[in-house]
Amino acid sequence: MTVRTKKIPAVFYATANGREPVRDWLKSLDKPDRVQIGSDILAVQQGWPLGLPLCDSLGNGLWEVRSKLSERRIARVIFAFDDGLIVLLNGFMKKTRKTPPDEIDLAAKRFKEMTS
């Protein structure tokens, strides 16, 4: 893993009224889950570019941070790069084998909204 001397800053996507859905989702989780997901995001910030098992491309400029939680649960945070920043677009608990298209579509919509 490449260790950066400077980490890539990460920011939360914000709606027009200032709501940050990924931050809200993270706050709703138990502390051990927040710590694990935060640690995984930090690893991406410090070690980019990364690949599997921690990070994977979803196409169209979207990437996912793949977090393994206790009790065989899986969390995903979908992000993209914008102007030298990691933008955290969507977070969810994964319950199916493939990443649900609705979750990817929501992240893509948020990214498009943010960059247009």
N, C-alpha and C. Protein backbone atom coordinates (compact mmCIF):
# COMPACT_ATOMS: atom_id res chain seq x y z
N MET A 1 0.84 -1.18 0.00
CA MET A 1 0.00 0.00 0.00
C MET A 1 0.89 1.23 0.00
N THR A 2 0.52 2.18 -0.83
CA THR A 2 1.23 3.45 -0.91
C THR A 2 0.79 4.34 0.25
N VAL A 3 1.74 4.90 0.98
CA VAL A 3 1.38 5.81 2.07
C VAL A 3 1.72 7.21 1.62
N ARG A 4 0.73 8.07 1.64
CA ARG A 4 0.91 9.46 1.24
C ARG A 4 1.43 10.26 2.42
N THR A 5 2.21 11.28 2.12
CA THR A 5 2.61 12.20 3.17
C THR A 5 1.44 13.12 3.50
N LYS A 6 0.58 13.36 2.51
CA LYS A 6 -0.63 14.15 2.72
C LYS A 6 -1.81 13.30 2.29
N LYS A 7 -2.84 13.29 3.09
CA LYS A 7 -4.01 12.52 2.69
C LYS A 7 -4.92 13.37 1.79
N ILE A 8 -5.66 12.68 0.94
CA ILE A 8 -6.63 13.35 0.08
C ILE A 8 -7.81 13.76 0.96
N PRO A 9 -8.17 15.04 0.96
CA PRO A 9 -9.30 15.46 1.80
C PRO A 9 -10.60 14.80 1.34
N ALA A 10 -11.42 14.44 2.31
CA ALA A 10 -12.75 13.88 2.02
C ALA A 10 -13.81 14.84 2.52
N VAL A 11 -14.85 15.00 1.73
CA VAL A 11 -15.97 15.86 2.10
C VAL A 11 -17.26 15.09 1.89
N PHE A 12 -18.29 15.49 2.60
CA PHE A 12 -19.60 14.88 2.45
C PHE A 12 -20.39 15.64 1.38
N TYR A 13 -21.07 14.91 0.52
CA TYR A 13 -22.04 15.52 -0.38
C TYR A 13 -23.08 16.23 0.48
N ALA A 14 -23.47 17.44 0.09
CA ALA A 14 -24.50 18.19 0.80
C ALA A 14 -25.62 18.57 -0.15
N THR A 15 -26.86 18.44 0.31
CA THR A 15 -28.01 18.84 -0.48
C THR A 15 -28.07 20.36 -0.54
N ALA A 16 -28.98 20.88 -1.34
CA ALA A 16 -29.14 22.34 -1.47
C ALA A 16 -29.47 23.00 -0.14
N ASN A 17 -30.15 22.27 0.74
CA ASN A 17 -30.49 22.84 2.05
C ASN A 17 -29.44 22.52 3.13
N GLY A 18 -28.30 21.96 2.71
CA GLY A 18 -27.19 21.73 3.64
C GLY A 18 -27.19 20.39 4.34
N ARG A 19 -28.16 19.54 4.07
CA ARG A 19 -28.19 18.21 4.68
C ARG A 19 -27.07 17.35 4.09
N GLU A 20 -26.43 16.53 4.93
CA GLU A 20 -25.35 15.64 4.50
C GLU A 20 -25.79 14.19 4.75
N PRO A 21 -26.40 13.55 3.74
CA PRO A 21 -26.98 12.22 3.95
C PRO A 21 -25.98 11.15 4.42
N VAL A 22 -24.75 11.18 3.93
CA VAL A 22 -23.79 10.15 4.35
C VAL A 22 -23.38 10.38 5.81
N ARG A 23 -23.18 11.64 6.19
CA ARG A 23 -22.86 11.94 7.59
C ARG A 23 -24.01 11.50 8.49
N ASP A 24 -25.25 11.79 8.07
CA ASP A 24 -26.43 11.39 8.86
C ASP A 24 -26.49 9.87 9.00
N TRP A 25 -26.22 9.16 7.90
CA TRP A 25 -26.23 7.70 7.94
C TRP A 25 -25.16 7.18 8.90
N LEU A 26 -23.96 7.74 8.81
CA LEU A 26 -22.89 7.30 9.70
C LEU A 26 -23.25 7.54 11.16
N LYS A 27 -23.85 8.68 11.46
CA LYS A 27 -24.24 9.00 12.84
C LYS A 27 -25.30 8.03 13.37
N SER A 28 -26.07 7.42 12.47
CA SER A 28 -27.12 6.49 12.90
C SER A 28 -26.56 5.12 13.27
N LEU A 29 -25.31 4.86 12.93
CA LEU A 29 -24.69 3.56 13.18
C LEU A 29 -24.09 3.49 14.58
N ASP A 30 -23.88 2.27 15.06
CA ASP A 30 -23.19 2.07 16.33
C ASP A 30 -21.74 2.52 16.20
N LYS A 31 -21.16 2.88 17.33
CA LYS A 31 -19.79 3.41 17.31
C LYS A 31 -18.78 2.46 16.67
N PRO A 32 -18.80 1.15 16.99
CA PRO A 32 -17.81 0.27 16.33
C PRO A 32 -17.93 0.27 14.81
N ASP A 33 -19.16 0.38 14.30
CA ASP A 33 -19.35 0.43 12.84
C ASP A 33 -18.81 1.74 12.28
N ARG A 34 -19.11 2.84 12.95
CA ARG A 34 -18.59 4.15 12.50
C ARG A 34 -17.07 4.15 12.48
N VAL A 35 -16.47 3.58 13.52
CA VAL A 35 -15.00 3.54 13.61
C VAL A 35 -14.42 2.72 12.45
N GLN A 36 -15.01 1.58 12.16
CA GLN A 36 -14.50 0.72 11.07
C GLN A 36 -14.64 1.42 9.72
N ILE A 37 -15.80 1.97 9.44
CA ILE A 37 -16.03 2.65 8.17
C ILE A 37 -15.11 3.86 8.05
N GLY A 38 -14.99 4.63 9.13
CA GLY A 38 -14.09 5.79 9.13
C GLY A 38 -12.65 5.39 8.88
N SER A 39 -12.23 4.29 9.48
CA SER A 39 -10.87 3.79 9.29
C SER A 39 -10.64 3.37 7.83
N ASP A 40 -11.65 2.76 7.23
CA ASP A 40 -11.53 2.34 5.84
C ASP A 40 -11.47 3.55 4.90
N ILE A 41 -12.27 4.57 5.18
CA ILE A 41 -12.22 5.80 4.38
C ILE A 41 -10.86 6.46 4.52
N LEU A 42 -10.33 6.50 5.74
CA LEU A 42 -9.01 7.07 5.98
C LEU A 42 -7.93 6.31 5.20
N ALA A 43 -8.04 4.99 5.15
CA ALA A 43 -7.07 4.19 4.38
C ALA A 43 -7.09 4.58 2.91
N VAL A 44 -8.27 4.86 2.37
CA VAL A 44 -8.38 5.30 0.98
C VAL A 44 -7.74 6.69 0.83
N GLN A 45 -8.03 7.57 1.77
CA GLN A 45 -7.46 8.92 1.71
C GLN A 45 -5.93 8.88 1.72
N GLN A 46 -5.36 8.02 2.52
CA GLN A 46 -3.91 7.97 2.68
C GLN A 46 -3.21 7.10 1.66
N GLY A 47 -3.92 6.12 1.12
CA GLY A 47 -3.23 5.14 0.27
C GLY A 47 -3.64 5.12 -1.18
N TRP A 48 -4.47 6.08 -1.59
CA TRP A 48 -4.94 6.06 -2.98
C TRP A 48 -3.79 6.08 -3.96
N PRO A 49 -3.78 5.29 -5.01
CA PRO A 49 -4.86 4.44 -5.47
C PRO A 49 -4.85 3.07 -4.80
N LEU A 50 -6.02 2.58 -4.46
CA LEU A 50 -6.19 1.27 -3.85
C LEU A 50 -7.13 0.44 -4.69
N GLY A 51 -7.04 -0.85 -4.52
CA GLY A 51 -7.96 -1.76 -5.21
C GLY A 51 -8.63 -2.69 -4.22
N LEU A 52 -9.06 -3.81 -4.74
CA LEU A 52 -9.72 -4.79 -3.88
C LEU A 52 -8.75 -5.32 -2.84
N PRO A 53 -9.17 -5.68 -1.66
CA PRO A 53 -10.56 -5.83 -1.25
C PRO A 53 -11.19 -4.55 -0.67
N LEU A 54 -10.43 -3.50 -0.46
CA LEU A 54 -10.97 -2.32 0.22
C LEU A 54 -11.74 -1.39 -0.71
N CYS A 55 -11.34 -1.29 -1.94
CA CYS A 55 -11.90 -0.28 -2.83
C CYS A 55 -12.13 -0.91 -4.20
N ASP A 56 -13.25 -0.51 -4.85
CA ASP A 56 -13.53 -1.06 -6.17
C ASP A 56 -14.23 0.01 -7.01
N SER A 57 -13.99 -0.04 -8.30
CA SER A 57 -14.62 0.88 -9.23
C SER A 57 -16.03 0.41 -9.56
N LEU A 58 -16.97 1.36 -9.60
CA LEU A 58 -18.34 1.06 -10.01
C LEU A 58 -18.61 1.59 -11.41
N GLY A 59 -17.59 2.23 -12.02
CA GLY A 59 -17.74 2.80 -13.35
C GLY A 59 -18.24 4.23 -13.29
N ASN A 60 -18.09 4.93 -14.39
CA ASN A 60 -18.54 6.32 -14.52
C ASN A 60 -17.98 7.24 -13.44
N GLY A 61 -16.75 6.98 -13.00
CA GLY A 61 -16.12 7.84 -12.01
C GLY A 61 -16.52 7.57 -10.57
N LEU A 62 -17.34 6.56 -10.35
CA LEU A 62 -17.77 6.21 -8.98
C LEU A 62 -16.94 5.04 -8.46
N TRP A 63 -16.65 5.12 -7.17
CA TRP A 63 -15.88 4.09 -6.48
C TRP A 63 -16.60 3.73 -5.21
N GLU A 64 -16.29 2.56 -4.64
CA GLU A 64 -16.88 2.20 -3.36
C GLU A 64 -15.80 1.79 -2.37
N VAL A 65 -16.00 2.22 -1.12
CA VAL A 65 -15.21 1.75 0.00
C VAL A 65 -15.98 0.56 0.56
N ARG A 66 -15.30 -0.57 0.68
CA ARG A 66 -15.94 -1.82 1.08
C ARG A 66 -15.54 -2.15 2.52
N SER A 67 -16.48 -1.99 3.45
CA SER A 67 -16.20 -2.21 4.86
C SER A 67 -16.85 -3.50 5.34
N LYS A 68 -16.05 -4.32 6.02
CA LYS A 68 -16.57 -5.53 6.65
C LYS A 68 -16.79 -5.21 8.13
N LEU A 69 -18.02 -5.44 8.59
CA LEU A 69 -18.39 -5.15 9.97
C LEU A 69 -18.61 -6.45 10.73
N SER A 70 -18.84 -6.33 12.02
CA SER A 70 -19.07 -7.53 12.85
C SER A 70 -20.35 -8.24 12.39
N GLU A 71 -20.46 -9.48 12.78
CA GLU A 71 -21.64 -10.30 12.49
C GLU A 71 -21.90 -10.44 10.99
N ARG A 72 -20.81 -10.47 10.22
CA ARG A 72 -20.86 -10.70 8.77
C ARG A 72 -21.68 -9.66 8.03
N ARG A 73 -21.72 -8.45 8.56
CA ARG A 73 -22.42 -7.36 7.88
C ARG A 73 -21.43 -6.61 7.00
N ILE A 74 -21.98 -5.99 5.97
CA ILE A 74 -21.14 -5.28 4.99
C ILE A 74 -21.71 -3.89 4.78
N ALA A 75 -20.84 -2.89 4.80
CA ALA A 75 -21.25 -1.51 4.52
C ALA A 75 -20.49 -1.04 3.28
N ARG A 76 -21.11 -0.12 2.57
CA ARG A 76 -20.49 0.49 1.40
C ARG A 76 -20.65 1.99 1.47
N VAL A 77 -19.60 2.71 1.09
CA VAL A 77 -19.67 4.15 0.91
C VAL A 77 -19.22 4.41 -0.53
N ILE A 78 -20.13 5.00 -1.31
CA ILE A 78 -19.82 5.32 -2.70
C ILE A 78 -19.26 6.74 -2.75
N PHE A 79 -18.16 6.89 -3.49
CA PHE A 79 -17.51 8.19 -3.57
C PHE A 79 -17.04 8.47 -4.99
N ALA A 80 -16.67 9.72 -5.22
CA ALA A 80 -16.08 10.14 -6.49
C ALA A 80 -15.03 11.20 -6.17
N PHE A 81 -14.22 11.51 -7.15
CA PHE A 81 -13.22 12.57 -7.00
C PHE A 81 -13.72 13.84 -7.68
N ASP A 82 -13.53 14.96 -7.03
CA ASP A 82 -13.88 16.24 -7.62
C ASP A 82 -12.89 17.29 -7.13
N ASP A 83 -12.15 17.87 -8.06
CA ASP A 83 -11.23 18.96 -7.74
C ASP A 83 -10.27 18.60 -6.60
N GLY A 84 -9.71 17.40 -6.67
CA GLY A 84 -8.73 16.97 -5.67
C GLY A 84 -9.32 16.51 -4.36
N LEU A 85 -10.64 16.35 -4.29
CA LEU A 85 -11.31 15.91 -3.08
C LEU A 85 -11.98 14.56 -3.30
N ILE A 86 -12.10 13.80 -2.24
CA ILE A 86 -12.95 12.62 -2.24
C ILE A 86 -14.32 13.08 -1.75
N VAL A 87 -15.35 12.88 -2.57
CA VAL A 87 -16.70 13.30 -2.19
C VAL A 87 -17.49 12.05 -1.83
N LEU A 88 -17.91 11.96 -0.58
CA LEU A 88 -18.68 10.81 -0.08
C LEU A 88 -20.14 11.04 -0.46
N LEU A 89 -20.64 10.23 -1.40
CA LEU A 89 -21.94 10.48 -2.02
C LEU A 89 -23.09 9.66 -1.44
N ASN A 90 -22.82 8.44 -1.04
CA ASN A 90 -23.89 7.56 -0.55
C ASN A 90 -23.30 6.50 0.35
N GLY A 91 -24.01 6.16 1.40
CA GLY A 91 -23.60 5.10 2.30
C GLY A 91 -24.78 4.21 2.61
N PHE A 92 -24.53 2.90 2.71
CA PHE A 92 -25.63 1.97 2.98
C PHE A 92 -25.07 0.64 3.48
N MET A 93 -25.95 -0.14 4.09
CA MET A 93 -25.61 -1.50 4.49
C MET A 93 -25.97 -2.40 3.32
N LYS A 94 -25.03 -3.21 2.91
CA LYS A 94 -25.23 -4.06 1.74
C LYS A 94 -25.90 -5.36 2.17
N LYS A 95 -26.99 -5.69 1.52
CA LYS A 95 -27.75 -6.88 1.88
C LYS A 95 -27.86 -7.88 0.73
N THR A 96 -27.35 -7.51 -0.44
CA THR A 96 -27.41 -8.40 -1.60
C THR A 96 -26.00 -8.64 -2.11
N ARG A 97 -25.85 -9.65 -2.94
CA ARG A 97 -24.53 -10.00 -3.47
C ARG A 97 -23.94 -8.87 -4.31
N LYS A 98 -24.75 -8.30 -5.19
CA LYS A 98 -24.29 -7.19 -6.04
C LYS A 98 -24.72 -5.87 -5.41
N THR A 99 -23.95 -4.83 -5.66
CA THR A 99 -24.34 -3.51 -5.19
C THR A 99 -25.63 -3.12 -5.90
N PRO A 100 -26.68 -2.78 -5.12
CA PRO A 100 -27.97 -2.45 -5.74
C PRO A 100 -27.85 -1.27 -6.70
N PRO A 101 -28.40 -1.42 -7.92
CA PRO A 101 -28.34 -0.33 -8.90
C PRO A 101 -28.94 0.97 -8.37
N ASP A 102 -29.98 0.89 -7.53
CA ASP A 102 -30.59 2.10 -6.97
C ASP A 102 -29.59 2.90 -6.15
N GLU A 103 -28.72 2.22 -5.41
CA GLU A 103 -27.71 2.90 -4.59
C GLU A 103 -26.67 3.59 -5.49
N ILE A 104 -26.28 2.92 -6.56
CA ILE A 104 -25.33 3.50 -7.51
C ILE A 104 -25.97 4.68 -8.22
N ASP A 105 -27.23 4.52 -8.64
CA ASP A 105 -27.94 5.60 -9.33
C ASP A 105 -28.07 6.84 -8.44
N LEU A 106 -28.36 6.62 -7.15
CA LEU A 106 -28.48 7.75 -6.23
C LEU A 106 -27.15 8.49 -6.11
N ALA A 107 -26.06 7.75 -5.99
CA ALA A 107 -24.73 8.38 -5.91
C ALA A 107 -24.43 9.14 -7.20
N ALA A 108 -24.74 8.55 -8.34
CA ALA A 108 -24.48 9.21 -9.63
C ALA A 108 -25.30 10.50 -9.75
N LYS A 109 -26.55 10.45 -9.31
CA LYS A 109 -27.42 11.63 -9.34
C LYS A 109 -26.84 12.74 -8.46
N ARG A 110 -26.41 12.37 -7.27
CA ARG A 110 -25.83 13.36 -6.36
C ARG A 110 -24.55 13.96 -6.94
N PHE A 111 -23.72 13.12 -7.54
CA PHE A 111 -22.48 13.63 -8.12
C PHE A 111 -22.75 14.58 -9.27
N LYS A 112 -23.70 14.21 -10.13
CA LYS A 112 -24.05 15.05 -11.26
C LYS A 112 -24.61 16.40 -10.76
N GLU A 113 -25.47 16.33 -9.76
CA GLU A 113 -26.05 17.55 -9.18
C GLU A 113 -24.96 18.45 -8.63
N MET A 114 -23.97 17.85 -7.99
CA MET A 114 -22.91 18.60 -7.36
C MET A 114 -21.98 19.26 -8.38
N THR A 115 -21.77 18.61 -9.51
CA THR A 115 -20.78 19.10 -10.46
C THR A 115 -21.40 19.92 -11.60
N SER A 116 -22.71 20.06 -11.59
CA SER A 116 -23.33 20.84 -12.68
C SER A 116 -23.75 22.22 -12.22
